[in-house]
Amino acid sequence: MRTLLVGFFSMALWLLLVHASSAYNVFGPYPWGEEDEYYLKWGAIFAPGSPGGTITWSLMPDGTTIDPSFTDPNITGTSDLSSILNGLGQSAALATIEQVFDKWSSAANIYFEHVSDSGEPFAGIDAQPSNTGHIRIGAFEIAGSAGGVGYAPPPNGGSLEGDVLLNSNNTFFFDPGEEGDPIQIFNDFESLLLHEVGHALGLAHSDVCSVMSAHFDCFQFVNRELDPDDIAGIQFLYGPALQADFDHNNLVDVSDLGLWQTGYGAATGAMDQDGDANGDGAVTGKDLLIWQGESGVLSSTALKGVLAVPEPARLIGHLGWMICFALTRRRQAVYRFSRLA
């Protein structure tokens, strides 16, 4: 069973904010001075709903040590992530990690990029970009049956903010069931990692069955897809994902329109960076409509006439005159789980 150990024995429980209209929980708000308050999140901590930017993630090399400043006796040894990945199948495990980040990014205005990791000690002062990713994934010996450890994002104190540690004493699997099926094998790798990365982004445990739930009854079923409550929580922190943000700068603006123009006409194999906003593999006028809706630049009346012109060059010329832009240290929150039976 997945066992919740909230902060090891010496760690106080974080106060969680329960939203009246939803059951998701986040870290905050916490007071800042006499008037301000903040949340643990990437990006602007005083502004829930604001973009998270592009957050890098990296895999700790085997042999990565623990910095002496980190004094939790329940986490020991050196990182041995490759044993877990090899046990799952290296290519399948890496693809799953990418997929986990993609799922969170598809739900909210935050992007992720895989970068290399220099092997700086976990929780060390130099364990931060450009030596490592913002979020580091490693595997250490963790006392008890915990399957993983997720540290909340800034400002949570030190370079371990957002890091995810797997328990190298445990075994991980890919459950053969489909979404919603009764789970056959606990410690399903994707389900557990999706949950832990949720903590790394600022979500605490939900009060309803969802990816972020910690209730035993809730994880009796395969859950590898974000539930409505997970999506509501991540969008509270970062706002909704922008389909037409083709250059991944957390804005929908004229530069995205240029990318759509360049990619216009592609019938298959197109990606969002090519101007495919709706994910159908093509770049068409439908994607332009999404850009228009998210940018708010053109009226639907204006677009109705414009879309009769199929050539991208003529289309952009017709649009040009209409476009006017004003381009304008706390205690660490840590959650531990096990999906072992």
C-alpha atoms as a PDB file:
ATOM      1  CA  MET A   1       0.000   0.000   0.000  1.00  0.00           C
ATOM      2  CA  ARG A   2       1.097   3.525  -0.593  1.00  0.00           C
ATOM      3  CA  THR A   3       1.989   4.923   2.794  1.00  0.00           C
ATOM      4  CA  LEU A   4       2.016   8.657   3.491  1.00  0.00           C
ATOM      5  CA  LEU A   5       4.813   9.942   5.671  1.00  0.00           C
ATOM      6  CA  VAL A   6       4.397  13.693   5.770  1.00  0.00           C
ATOM      7  CA  GLY A   7       7.753  15.181   6.725  1.00  0.00           C
ATOM      8  CA  PHE A   8       9.855  12.644   8.635  1.00  0.00           C
ATOM      9  CA  PHE A   9       9.557  12.442  12.388  1.00  0.00           C
ATOM     10  CA  SER A  10      11.189  15.803  13.066  1.00  0.00           C
ATOM     11  CA  MET A  11       9.252  17.735  10.409  1.00  0.00           C
ATOM     12  CA  ALA A  12       6.089  19.702  11.073  1.00  0.00           C
ATOM     13  CA  LEU A  13       3.056  19.272   8.848  1.00  0.00           C
ATOM     14  CA  TRP A  14       2.492  22.082   6.359  1.00  0.00           C
ATOM     15  CA  LEU A  15      -0.720  24.016   6.655  1.00  0.00           C
ATOM     16  CA  LEU A  16      -2.713  23.322   3.499  1.00  0.00           C
ATOM     17  CA  LEU A  17      -5.195  25.637   1.864  1.00  0.00           C
ATOM     18  CA  VAL A  18      -8.478  23.925   1.041  1.00  0.00           C
ATOM     19  CA  HIS A  19     -10.435  25.713  -1.687  1.00  0.00           C
ATOM     20  CA  ALA A  20     -14.146  25.846  -1.137  1.00  0.00           C
ATOM     21  CA  SER A  21     -15.037  25.114  -4.763  1.00  0.00           C
ATOM     22  CA  SER A  22     -12.504  22.316  -5.249  1.00  0.00           C
ATOM     23  CA  ALA A  23     -10.828  19.628  -3.204  1.00  0.00           C
ATOM     24  CA  TYR A  24      -7.281  20.246  -4.372  1.00  0.00           C
ATOM     25  CA  ASN A  25      -4.760  21.631  -1.909  1.00  0.00           C
ATOM     26  CA  VAL A  26      -1.722  23.825  -2.461  1.00  0.00           C
ATOM     27  CA  PHE A  27       1.149  25.078  -0.333  1.00  0.00           C
ATOM     28  CA  GLY A  28      -0.066  28.491   0.775  1.00  0.00           C
ATOM     29  CA  PRO A  29      -1.005  31.186   1.111  1.00  0.00           C
ATOM     30  CA  TYR A  30       1.658  32.129   3.629  1.00  0.00           C
ATOM     31  CA  PRO A  31       2.109  35.645   5.042  1.00  0.00           C
ATOM     32  CA  TRP A  32       4.856  37.878   3.703  1.00  0.00           C
ATOM     33  CA  GLY A  33       5.233  40.993   5.770  1.00  0.00           C
ATOM     34  CA  GLU A  34       2.092  42.686   6.973  1.00  0.00           C
ATOM     35  CA  GLU A  35       0.048  42.680   3.788  1.00  0.00           C
ATOM     36  CA  ASP A  36       1.376  40.250   1.198  1.00  0.00           C
ATOM     37  CA  GLU A  37       1.044  36.488   0.945  1.00  0.00           C
ATOM     38  CA  TYR A  38       2.694  33.913  -1.273  1.00  0.00           C
ATOM     39  CA  TYR A  39       2.480  30.343  -2.513  1.00  0.00           C
ATOM     40  CA  LEU A  40       5.101  27.702  -3.159  1.00  0.00           C
ATOM     41  CA  LYS A  41       5.237  27.648  -6.945  1.00  0.00           C
ATOM     42  CA  TRP A  42       7.530  28.225  -9.879  1.00  0.00           C
ATOM     43  CA  GLY A  43       7.462  31.718 -11.309  1.00  0.00           C
ATOM     44  CA  ALA A  44       5.781  34.594  -9.494  1.00  0.00           C
ATOM     45  CA  ILE A  45       5.138  33.337  -5.958  1.00  0.00           C
ATOM     46  CA  PHE A  46       2.852  36.276  -5.121  1.00  0.00           C
ATOM     47  CA  ALA A  47       0.613  35.676  -8.122  1.00  0.00           C
ATOM     48  CA  PRO A  48      -1.267  32.364  -8.269  1.00  0.00           C
ATOM     49  CA  GLY A  49      -2.497  31.795 -11.782  1.00  0.00           C
ATOM     50  CA  SER A  50       0.618  33.315 -13.334  1.00  0.00           C
ATOM     51  CA  PRO A  51       2.861  31.362 -15.749  1.00  0.00           C
ATOM     52  CA  GLY A  52       5.552  29.070 -14.396  1.00  0.00           C
ATOM     53  CA  GLY A  53       8.009  29.710 -17.229  1.00  0.00           C
ATOM     54  CA  THR A  54      10.224  26.924 -18.536  1.00  0.00           C
ATOM     55  CA  ILE A  55      11.398  24.614 -15.758  1.00  0.00           C
ATOM     56  CA  THR A  56      14.321  22.310 -16.451  1.00  0.00           C
ATOM     57  CA  TRP A  57      14.605  18.780 -15.112  1.00  0.00           C
ATOM     58  CA  SER A  58      17.531  16.386 -14.928  1.00  0.00           C
ATOM     59  CA  LEU A  59      18.406  12.862 -13.843  1.00  0.00           C
ATOM     60  CA  MET A  60      21.003  12.513 -11.106  1.00  0.00           C
ATOM     61  CA  PRO A  61      23.934  10.382 -12.292  1.00  0.00           C
ATOM     62  CA  ASP A  62      24.579   7.179 -10.376  1.00  0.00           C
ATOM     63  CA  GLY A  63      26.874   7.852  -7.445  1.00  0.00           C
ATOM     64  CA  THR A  64      25.461  11.320  -6.714  1.00  0.00           C
ATOM     65  CA  THR A  65      26.032  11.893  -3.011  1.00  0.00           C
ATOM     66  CA  ILE A  66      24.021  13.696  -0.352  1.00  0.00           C
ATOM     67  CA  ASP A  67      25.380  17.053   0.767  1.00  0.00           C
ATOM     68  CA  PRO A  68      26.483  17.095   4.437  1.00  0.00           C
ATOM     69  CA  SER A  69      24.115  19.997   5.066  1.00  0.00           C
ATOM     70  CA  PHE A  70      21.165  17.634   4.502  1.00  0.00           C
ATOM     71  CA  THR A  71      20.615  15.979   7.861  1.00  0.00           C
ATOM     72  CA  ASP A  72      17.535  13.789   7.383  1.00  0.00           C
ATOM     73  CA  PRO A  73      18.730  10.362   8.606  1.00  0.00           C
ATOM     74  CA  ASN A  74      15.954   8.586   6.728  1.00  0.00           C
ATOM     75  CA  ILE A  75      17.510   9.260   3.318  1.00  0.00           C
ATOM     76  CA  THR A  76      20.952   7.735   2.843  1.00  0.00           C
ATOM     77  CA  GLY A  77      23.401   6.296   0.334  1.00  0.00           C
ATOM     78  CA  THR A  78      24.166   7.507  -3.157  1.00  0.00           C
ATOM     79  CA  SER A  79      21.798   7.819  -6.081  1.00  0.00           C
ATOM     80  CA  ASP A  80      21.227   4.620  -8.053  1.00  0.00           C
ATOM     81  CA  LEU A  81      18.541   5.660 -10.510  1.00  0.00           C
ATOM     82  CA  SER A  82      19.784   3.467 -13.352  1.00  0.00           C
ATOM     83  CA  SER A  83      18.878   0.297 -11.444  1.00  0.00           C
ATOM     84  CA  ILE A  84      15.241   1.385 -11.362  1.00  0.00           C
ATOM     85  CA  LEU A  85      15.222   2.538 -14.977  1.00  0.00           C
ATOM     86  CA  ASN A  86      16.948  -0.608 -16.206  1.00  0.00           C
ATOM     87  CA  GLY A  87      14.516  -2.756 -14.268  1.00  0.00           C
ATOM     88  CA  LEU A  88      11.634  -1.077 -16.070  1.00  0.00           C
ATOM     89  CA  GLY A  89      13.398  -0.943 -19.415  1.00  0.00           C
ATOM     90  CA  GLN A  90      15.542   2.129 -20.011  1.00  0.00           C
ATOM     91  CA  SER A  91      13.750   3.482 -23.078  1.00  0.00           C
ATOM     92  CA  ALA A  92      10.257   2.876 -21.692  1.00  0.00           C
ATOM     93  CA  ALA A  93      11.152   4.457 -18.348  1.00  0.00           C
ATOM     94  CA  LEU A  94      12.665   7.571 -19.941  1.00  0.00           C
ATOM     95  CA  ALA A  95       9.674   7.940 -22.238  1.00  0.00           C
ATOM     96  CA  THR A  96       7.393   7.706 -19.199  1.00  0.00           C
ATOM     97  CA  ILE A  97       9.282  10.471 -17.398  1.00  0.00           C
ATOM     98  CA  GLU A  98       8.934  12.708 -20.466  1.00  0.00           C
ATOM     99  CA  GLN A  99       5.252  11.836 -20.658  1.00  0.00           C
ATOM    100  CA  VAL A 100       4.666  12.764 -17.024  1.00  0.00           C
ATOM    101  CA  PHE A 101       6.054  16.258 -17.562  1.00  0.00           C
ATOM    102  CA  ASP A 102       4.103  16.586 -20.812  1.00  0.00           C
ATOM    103  CA  LYS A 103       0.843  15.787 -19.016  1.00  0.00           C
ATOM    104  CA  TRP A 104       1.335  18.530 -16.447  1.00  0.00           C
ATOM    105  CA  SER A 105       2.435  20.977 -19.151  1.00  0.00           C
ATOM    106  CA  SER A 106      -0.623  20.207 -21.273  1.00  0.00           C
ATOM    107  CA  ALA A 107      -2.850  21.235 -18.359  1.00  0.00           C
ATOM    108  CA  ALA A 108      -1.240  24.526 -17.303  1.00  0.00           C
ATOM    109  CA  ASN A 109       0.902  27.429 -18.468  1.00  0.00           C
ATOM    110  CA  ILE A 110       4.267  25.908 -17.622  1.00  0.00           C
ATOM    111  CA  TYR A 111       6.883  24.185 -19.769  1.00  0.00           C
ATOM    112  CA  PHE A 112       9.595  21.637 -19.064  1.00  0.00           C
ATOM    113  CA  GLU A 113      12.954  20.930 -20.646  1.00  0.00           C
ATOM    114  CA  HIS A 114      15.270  17.972 -20.064  1.00  0.00           C
ATOM    115  CA  VAL A 115      18.870  19.043 -19.374  1.00  0.00           C
ATOM    116  CA  SER A 116      22.055  17.315 -18.266  1.00  0.00           C
ATOM    117  CA  ASP A 117      23.049  16.901 -14.626  1.00  0.00           C
ATOM    118  CA  SER A 118      26.634  17.426 -13.434  1.00  0.00           C
ATOM    119  CA  GLY A 119      26.166  15.196 -10.390  1.00  0.00           C
ATOM    120  CA  GLU A 120      26.344  17.902  -7.736  1.00  0.00           C
ATOM    121  CA  PRO A 121      25.462  16.478  -4.310  1.00  0.00           C
ATOM    122  CA  PHE A 122      21.752  16.357  -3.585  1.00  0.00           C
ATOM    123  CA  ALA A 123      20.720  19.464  -1.605  1.00  0.00           C
ATOM    124  CA  GLY A 124      24.151  21.022  -2.185  1.00  0.00           C
ATOM    125  CA  ILE A 125      24.563  24.729  -2.795  1.00  0.00           C
ATOM    126  CA  ASP A 126      25.658  24.166  -6.399  1.00  0.00           C
ATOM    127  CA  ALA A 127      22.826  21.773  -7.262  1.00  0.00           C
ATOM    128  CA  GLN A 128      20.991  24.292  -9.391  1.00  0.00           C
ATOM    129  CA  PRO A 129      20.973  25.548 -12.980  1.00  0.00           C
ATOM    130  CA  SER A 130      23.200  25.548 -14.936  1.00  0.00           C
ATOM    131  CA  ASN A 131      24.790  22.564 -13.188  1.00  0.00           C
ATOM    132  CA  THR A 132      21.516  20.671 -12.864  1.00  0.00           C
ATOM    133  CA  GLY A 133      17.867  21.027 -13.676  1.00  0.00           C
ATOM    134  CA  HIS A 134      15.508  22.983 -11.462  1.00  0.00           C
ATOM    135  CA  ILE A 135      13.864  19.625 -10.728  1.00  0.00           C
ATOM    136  CA  ARG A 136      16.205  16.685 -10.171  1.00  0.00           C
ATOM    137  CA  ILE A 137      15.143  13.052 -10.148  1.00  0.00           C
ATOM    138  CA  GLY A 138      17.266  10.559  -8.227  1.00  0.00           C
ATOM    139  CA  ALA A 139      17.006   7.339  -6.231  1.00  0.00           C
ATOM    140  CA  PHE A 140      18.315   6.918  -2.684  1.00  0.00           C
ATOM    141  CA  GLU A 141      17.731   4.500   0.165  1.00  0.00           C
ATOM    142  CA  ILE A 142      14.653   5.752   1.999  1.00  0.00           C
ATOM    143  CA  ALA A 143      13.652   4.285   5.342  1.00  0.00           C
ATOM    144  CA  GLY A 144      10.377   2.404   5.489  1.00  0.00           C
ATOM    145  CA  SER A 145       8.087   1.468   2.620  1.00  0.00           C
ATOM    146  CA  ALA A 146       7.943   4.895   0.982  1.00  0.00           C
ATOM    147  CA  GLY A 147       8.013   4.689  -2.797  1.00  0.00           C
ATOM    148  CA  GLY A 148       9.091   8.264  -3.366  1.00  0.00           C
ATOM    149  CA  VAL A 149       9.778  11.685  -1.925  1.00  0.00           C
ATOM    150  CA  GLY A 150       8.560  14.923  -3.473  1.00  0.00           C
ATOM    151  CA  TYR A 151       9.838  18.338  -2.370  1.00  0.00           C
ATOM    152  CA  ALA A 152       7.670  21.392  -2.905  1.00  0.00           C
ATOM    153  CA  PRO A 153       8.853  24.204  -5.207  1.00  0.00           C
ATOM    154  CA  PRO A 154      10.338  27.581  -4.217  1.00  0.00           C
ATOM    155  CA  PRO A 155      10.590  29.223  -1.841  1.00  0.00           C
ATOM    156  CA  ASN A 156      10.921  25.954   0.072  1.00  0.00           C
ATOM    157  CA  GLY A 157      14.501  26.344   1.273  1.00  0.00           C
ATOM    158  CA  GLY A 158      17.616  25.258  -0.587  1.00  0.00           C
ATOM    159  CA  SER A 159      18.492  23.587  -3.849  1.00  0.00           C
ATOM    160  CA  LEU A 160      16.253  20.568  -3.197  1.00  0.00           C
ATOM    161  CA  GLU A 161      13.192  22.621  -4.102  1.00  0.00           C
ATOM    162  CA  GLY A 162      11.141  20.580  -6.532  1.00  0.00           C
ATOM    163  CA  ASP A 163      13.374  17.502  -6.398  1.00  0.00           C
ATOM    164  CA  VAL A 164      11.910  14.003  -6.620  1.00  0.00           C
ATOM    165  CA  LEU A 165      13.622  11.016  -5.003  1.00  0.00           C
ATOM    166  CA  LEU A 166      12.620   7.416  -5.591  1.00  0.00           C
ATOM    167  CA  ASN A 167      13.278   4.733  -3.004  1.00  0.00           C
ATOM    168  CA  SER A 168      16.060   2.519  -4.349  1.00  0.00           C
ATOM    169  CA  ASN A 169      15.042  -0.155  -1.816  1.00  0.00           C
ATOM    170  CA  ASN A 170      11.730  -0.636  -3.628  1.00  0.00           C
ATOM    171  CA  THR A 171      10.764  -2.169  -6.946  1.00  0.00           C
ATOM    172  CA  PHE A 172       8.723  -0.311  -9.548  1.00  0.00           C
ATOM    173  CA  PHE A 173       6.474  -1.683 -12.285  1.00  0.00           C
ATOM    174  CA  PHE A 174       4.297  -0.760 -15.227  1.00  0.00           C
ATOM    175  CA  ASP A 175       0.850  -1.999 -14.274  1.00  0.00           C
ATOM    176  CA  PRO A 176      -0.679  -3.806 -17.283  1.00  0.00           C
ATOM    177  CA  GLY A 177      -4.143  -2.334 -16.731  1.00  0.00           C
ATOM    178  CA  GLU A 178      -5.786   0.547 -18.556  1.00  0.00           C
ATOM    179  CA  GLU A 179      -6.854   3.830 -16.991  1.00  0.00           C
ATOM    180  CA  GLY A 180      -9.464   3.155 -14.312  1.00  0.00           C
ATOM    181  CA  ASP A 181      -8.862  -0.596 -14.148  1.00  0.00           C
ATOM    182  CA  PRO A 182      -8.337  -2.196 -10.732  1.00  0.00           C
ATOM    183  CA  ILE A 183      -4.621  -1.948 -10.096  1.00  0.00           C
ATOM    184  CA  GLN A 184      -2.787  -5.259 -10.198  1.00  0.00           C
ATOM    185  CA  ILE A 185       0.714  -4.155  -9.221  1.00  0.00           C
ATOM    186  CA  PHE A 186       1.456  -1.431  -6.690  1.00  0.00           C
ATOM    187  CA  ASN A 187       4.250   1.102  -7.225  1.00  0.00           C
ATOM    188  CA  ASP A 188       3.110   1.681 -10.788  1.00  0.00           C
ATOM    189  CA  PHE A 189       5.940   3.875 -12.034  1.00  0.00           C
ATOM    190  CA  GLU A 190       3.928   6.372 -14.046  1.00  0.00           C
ATOM    191  CA  SER A 191       1.183   6.837 -11.457  1.00  0.00           C
ATOM    192  CA  LEU A 192       3.658   7.413  -8.645  1.00  0.00           C
ATOM    193  CA  LEU A 193       5.875   9.766 -10.657  1.00  0.00           C
ATOM    194  CA  LEU A 194       2.896  11.779 -11.889  1.00  0.00           C
ATOM    195  CA  HIS A 195       1.899  12.246  -8.246  1.00  0.00           C
ATOM    196  CA  GLU A 196       5.390  13.200  -7.048  1.00  0.00           C
ATOM    197  CA  VAL A 197       5.928  15.701  -9.848  1.00  0.00           C
ATOM    198  CA  GLY A 198       2.616  17.248  -8.823  1.00  0.00           C
ATOM    199  CA  HIS A 199       4.189  17.952  -5.431  1.00  0.00           C
ATOM    200  CA  ALA A 200       7.270  19.376  -7.177  1.00  0.00           C
ATOM    201  CA  LEU A 201       4.957  21.828  -8.943  1.00  0.00           C
ATOM    202  CA  GLY A 202       3.173  22.954  -5.785  1.00  0.00           C
ATOM    203  CA  LEU A 203       0.196  20.631  -5.311  1.00  0.00           C
ATOM    204  CA  ALA A 204      -0.432  18.979  -1.964  1.00  0.00           C
ATOM    205  CA  HIS A 205      -2.783  16.051  -1.352  1.00  0.00           C
ATOM    206  CA  SER A 206      -6.284  16.307  -2.723  1.00  0.00           C
ATOM    207  CA  ASP A 207      -9.394  15.617  -0.664  1.00  0.00           C
ATOM    208  CA  VAL A 208     -10.976  13.633  -3.507  1.00  0.00           C
ATOM    209  CA  CYS A 209      -9.788  10.687  -5.585  1.00  0.00           C
ATOM    210  CA  SER A 210      -7.351  12.031  -8.143  1.00  0.00           C
ATOM    211  CA  VAL A 211      -3.686  11.770  -9.105  1.00  0.00           C
ATOM    212  CA  MET A 212      -2.845  13.905  -6.070  1.00  0.00           C
ATOM    213  CA  SER A 213      -4.893  11.838  -3.619  1.00  0.00           C
ATOM    214  CA  ALA A 214      -3.159   9.992  -0.781  1.00  0.00           C
ATOM    215  CA  HIS A 215      -6.171   7.912   0.269  1.00  0.00           C
ATOM    216  CA  PHE A 216      -5.728   4.158  -0.011  1.00  0.00           C
ATOM    217  CA  ASP A 217      -9.147   3.607  -1.578  1.00  0.00           C
ATOM    218  CA  CYS A 218      -8.294   6.049  -4.370  1.00  0.00           C
ATOM    219  CA  PHE A 219      -5.216   4.287  -5.641  1.00  0.00           C
ATOM    220  CA  GLN A 220      -6.841   0.901  -5.975  1.00  0.00           C
ATOM    221  CA  PHE A 221      -7.247   1.818  -9.634  1.00  0.00           C
ATOM    222  CA  VAL A 222      -4.834   2.706 -12.417  1.00  0.00           C
ATOM    223  CA  ASN A 223      -4.595   6.505 -12.494  1.00  0.00           C
ATOM    224  CA  ARG A 224      -2.163   7.818 -15.097  1.00  0.00           C
ATOM    225  CA  GLU A 225      -4.291  10.691 -16.353  1.00  0.00           C
ATOM    226  CA  LEU A 226      -4.881  13.999 -14.607  1.00  0.00           C
ATOM    227  CA  ASP A 227      -8.331  14.232 -13.085  1.00  0.00           C
ATOM    228  CA  PRO A 228     -10.461  17.406 -13.128  1.00  0.00           C
ATOM    229  CA  ASP A 229      -9.366  18.236  -9.582  1.00  0.00           C
ATOM    230  CA  ASP A 230      -5.674  17.908 -10.513  1.00  0.00           C
ATOM    231  CA  ILE A 231      -6.222  20.201 -13.483  1.00  0.00           C
ATOM    232  CA  ALA A 232      -8.098  22.748 -11.373  1.00  0.00           C
ATOM    233  CA  GLY A 233      -5.256  22.786  -8.858  1.00  0.00           C
ATOM    234  CA  ILE A 234      -2.433  23.192 -11.350  1.00  0.00           C
ATOM    235  CA  GLN A 235      -4.363  25.895 -13.193  1.00  0.00           C
ATOM    236  CA  PHE A 236      -4.944  27.742  -9.924  1.00  0.00           C
ATOM    237  CA  LEU A 237      -1.159  27.975  -9.602  1.00  0.00           C
ATOM    238  CA  TYR A 238      -0.152  28.597 -13.228  1.00  0.00           C
ATOM    239  CA  GLY A 239      -3.226  29.362 -15.286  1.00  0.00           C
ATOM    240  CA  PRO A 240      -4.500  27.214 -18.160  1.00  0.00           C
ATOM    241  CA  ALA A 241      -2.214  25.908 -20.881  1.00  0.00           C
ATOM    242  CA  LEU A 242      -1.953  28.082 -23.989  1.00  0.00           C
ATOM    243  CA  GLN A 243      -2.517  26.015 -27.117  1.00  0.00           C
ATOM    244  CA  ALA A 244      -1.249  28.726 -29.460  1.00  0.00           C
ATOM    245  CA  ASP A 245       1.938  29.556 -27.547  1.00  0.00           C
ATOM    246  CA  PHE A 246       4.030  28.008 -30.296  1.00  0.00           C
ATOM    247  CA  ASP A 247       7.348  29.480 -29.117  1.00  0.00           C
ATOM    248  CA  HIS A 248       6.777  28.404 -25.489  1.00  0.00           C
ATOM    249  CA  ASN A 249       7.351  31.801 -23.895  1.00  0.00           C
ATOM    250  CA  ASN A 250       4.100  31.689 -21.860  1.00  0.00           C
ATOM    251  CA  LEU A 251       2.479  34.296 -24.118  1.00  0.00           C
ATOM    252  CA  VAL A 252       0.329  34.172 -27.227  1.00  0.00           C
ATOM    253  CA  ASP A 253       1.502  37.030 -29.416  1.00  0.00           C
ATOM    254  CA  VAL A 254       2.610  38.069 -32.890  1.00  0.00           C
ATOM    255  CA  SER A 255       5.661  35.805 -32.846  1.00  0.00           C
ATOM    256  CA  ASP A 256       3.325  32.816 -32.540  1.00  0.00           C
ATOM    257  CA  LEU A 257       1.362  34.110 -35.511  1.00  0.00           C
ATOM    258  CA  GLY A 258       4.613  34.127 -37.489  1.00  0.00           C
ATOM    259  CA  LEU A 259       5.242  30.496 -36.617  1.00  0.00           C
ATOM    260  CA  TRP A 260       1.736  29.608 -37.711  1.00  0.00           C
ATOM    261  CA  GLN A 261       2.349  31.381 -41.017  1.00  0.00           C
ATOM    262  CA  THR A 262       5.575  29.449 -41.585  1.00  0.00           C
ATOM    263  CA  GLY A 263       3.942  26.116 -40.847  1.00  0.00           C
ATOM    264  CA  TYR A 264       0.642  26.814 -42.606  1.00  0.00           C
ATOM    265  CA  GLY A 265      -0.292  24.074 -45.046  1.00  0.00           C
ATOM    266  CA  ALA A 266       1.442  21.204 -43.284  1.00  0.00           C
ATOM    267  CA  ALA A 267      -0.940  18.279 -43.556  1.00  0.00           C
ATOM    268  CA  THR A 268       0.704  15.691 -41.316  1.00  0.00           C
ATOM    269  CA  GLY A 269       3.393  15.442 -38.664  1.00  0.00           C
ATOM    270  CA  ALA A 270       3.146  19.047 -37.482  1.00  0.00           C
ATOM    271  CA  MET A 271       3.870  19.879 -33.840  1.00  0.00           C
ATOM    272  CA  ASP A 272       2.896  22.822 -31.685  1.00  0.00           C
ATOM    273  CA  GLN A 273       6.177  24.573 -32.520  1.00  0.00           C
ATOM    274  CA  ASP A 274       5.087  24.469 -36.179  1.00  0.00           C
ATOM    275  CA  GLY A 275       1.781  26.197 -35.498  1.00  0.00           C
ATOM    276  CA  ASP A 276      -0.407  23.186 -34.696  1.00  0.00           C
ATOM    277  CA  ALA A 277      -2.555  24.454 -31.834  1.00  0.00           C
ATOM    278  CA  ASN A 278      -5.161  21.695 -31.691  1.00  0.00           C
ATOM    279  CA  GLY A 279      -2.765  18.759 -31.889  1.00  0.00           C
ATOM    280  CA  ASP A 280      -4.192  17.191 -35.047  1.00  0.00           C
ATOM    281  CA  GLY A 281      -0.821  17.114 -36.824  1.00  0.00           C
ATOM    282  CA  ALA A 282      -1.809  19.748 -39.385  1.00  0.00           C
ATOM    283  CA  VAL A 283      -1.476  23.542 -39.528  1.00  0.00           C
ATOM    284  CA  THR A 284      -4.738  25.032 -40.762  1.00  0.00           C
ATOM    285  CA  GLY A 285      -7.118  27.900 -40.237  1.00  0.00           C
ATOM    286  CA  LYS A 286      -8.481  26.107 -37.174  1.00  0.00           C
ATOM    287  CA  ASP A 287      -5.158  26.729 -35.455  1.00  0.00           C
ATOM    288  CA  LEU A 288      -5.347  30.397 -36.405  1.00  0.00           C
ATOM    289  CA  LEU A 289      -8.746  30.630 -34.746  1.00  0.00           C
ATOM    290  CA  ILE A 290      -7.243  29.239 -31.545  1.00  0.00           C
ATOM    291  CA  TRP A 291      -4.418  31.791 -31.769  1.00  0.00           C
ATOM    292  CA  GLN A 292      -6.989  34.542 -32.241  1.00  0.00           C
ATOM    293  CA  GLY A 293      -9.019  33.410 -29.257  1.00  0.00           C
ATOM    294  CA  GLU A 294      -6.022  33.246 -26.942  1.00  0.00           C
ATOM    295  CA  SER A 295      -4.373  36.449 -28.149  1.00  0.00           C
ATOM    296  CA  GLY A 296      -7.553  38.521 -28.351  1.00  0.00           C
ATOM    297  CA  VAL A 297      -6.087  40.524 -31.229  1.00  0.00           C
ATOM    298  CA  LEU A 298      -8.674  40.078 -33.948  1.00  0.00           C
ATOM    299  CA  SER A 299     -12.421  40.023 -33.845  1.00  0.00           C
ATOM    300  CA  SER A 300     -14.209  36.937 -35.095  1.00  0.00           C
ATOM    301  CA  THR A 301     -15.857  39.132 -37.732  1.00  0.00           C
ATOM    302  CA  ALA A 302     -12.492  40.201 -39.106  1.00  0.00           C
ATOM    303  CA  LEU A 303     -11.201  36.642 -39.122  1.00  0.00           C
ATOM    304  CA  LYS A 304     -14.231  35.360 -41.006  1.00  0.00           C
ATOM    305  CA  GLY A 305     -13.206  37.301 -44.088  1.00  0.00           C
ATOM    306  CA  VAL A 306      -9.507  36.769 -43.647  1.00  0.00           C
ATOM    307  CA  LEU A 307      -9.777  32.987 -43.538  1.00  0.00           C
ATOM    308  CA  ALA A 308     -11.092  32.952 -47.090  1.00  0.00           C
ATOM    309  CA  VAL A 309      -7.517  33.680 -48.210  1.00  0.00           C
ATOM    310  CA  PRO A 310      -5.570  30.383 -48.073  1.00  0.00           C
ATOM    311  CA  GLU A 311      -2.082  31.641 -48.897  1.00  0.00           C
ATOM    312  CA  PRO A 312      -0.133  32.400 -45.723  1.00  0.00           C
ATOM    313  CA  ALA A 313       1.730  35.360 -47.241  1.00  0.00           C
ATOM    314  CA  ARG A 314      -1.469  37.078 -48.392  1.00  0.00           C
ATOM    315  CA  LEU A 315      -3.172  36.237 -45.126  1.00  0.00           C
ATOM    316  CA  ILE A 316      -0.463  37.820 -43.020  1.00  0.00           C
ATOM    317  CA  GLY A 317      -0.476  40.888 -45.238  1.00  0.00           C
ATOM    318  CA  HIS A 318      -4.207  41.233 -44.740  1.00  0.00           C
ATOM    319  CA  LEU A 319      -3.831  40.856 -40.996  1.00  0.00           C
ATOM    320  CA  GLY A 320      -0.889  43.186 -40.588  1.00  0.00           C
ATOM    321  CA  TRP A 321      -2.785  46.468 -40.406  1.00  0.00           C
ATOM    322  CA  MET A 322      -5.168  45.057 -37.811  1.00  0.00           C
ATOM    323  CA  ILE A 323      -2.523  43.831 -35.353  1.00  0.00           C
ATOM    324  CA  CYS A 324      -1.517  46.201 -32.605  1.00  0.00           C
ATOM    325  CA  PHE A 325       0.456  44.827 -29.694  1.00  0.00           C
ATOM    326  CA  ALA A 326       1.833  46.514 -26.644  1.00  0.00           C
ATOM    327  CA  LEU A 327       4.632  43.966 -26.415  1.00  0.00           C
ATOM    328  CA  THR A 328       4.945  44.548 -23.638  1.00  0.00           C
ATOM    329  CA  ARG A 329      13.291  30.266   3.438  1.00  0.00           C
ATOM    330  CA  ARG A 330      10.838  28.111   4.891  1.00  0.00           C
ATOM    331  CA  ARG A 331      10.638  24.529   6.189  1.00  0.00           C
ATOM    332  CA  GLN A 332      10.726  21.976   3.428  1.00  0.00           C
ATOM    333  CA  ALA A 333       7.463  20.350   2.357  1.00  0.00           C
ATOM    334  CA  VAL A 334       8.095  16.706   1.636  1.00  0.00           C
ATOM    335  CA  TYR A 335       5.785  13.817   0.830  1.00  0.00           C
ATOM    336  CA  ARG A 336       6.584  10.127   0.754  1.00  0.00           C
ATOM    337  CA  PHE A 337       4.624   7.270  -0.739  1.00  0.00           C
ATOM    338  CA  SER A 338       4.673   3.591  -1.407  1.00  0.00           C
ATOM    339  CA  ARG A 339       2.520   1.657  -3.818  1.00  0.00           C
ATOM    340  CA  LEU A 340       3.650  -1.699  -2.472  1.00  0.00           C
ATOM    341  CA  ALA A 341       0.942  -4.113  -1.480  1.00  0.00           C
END
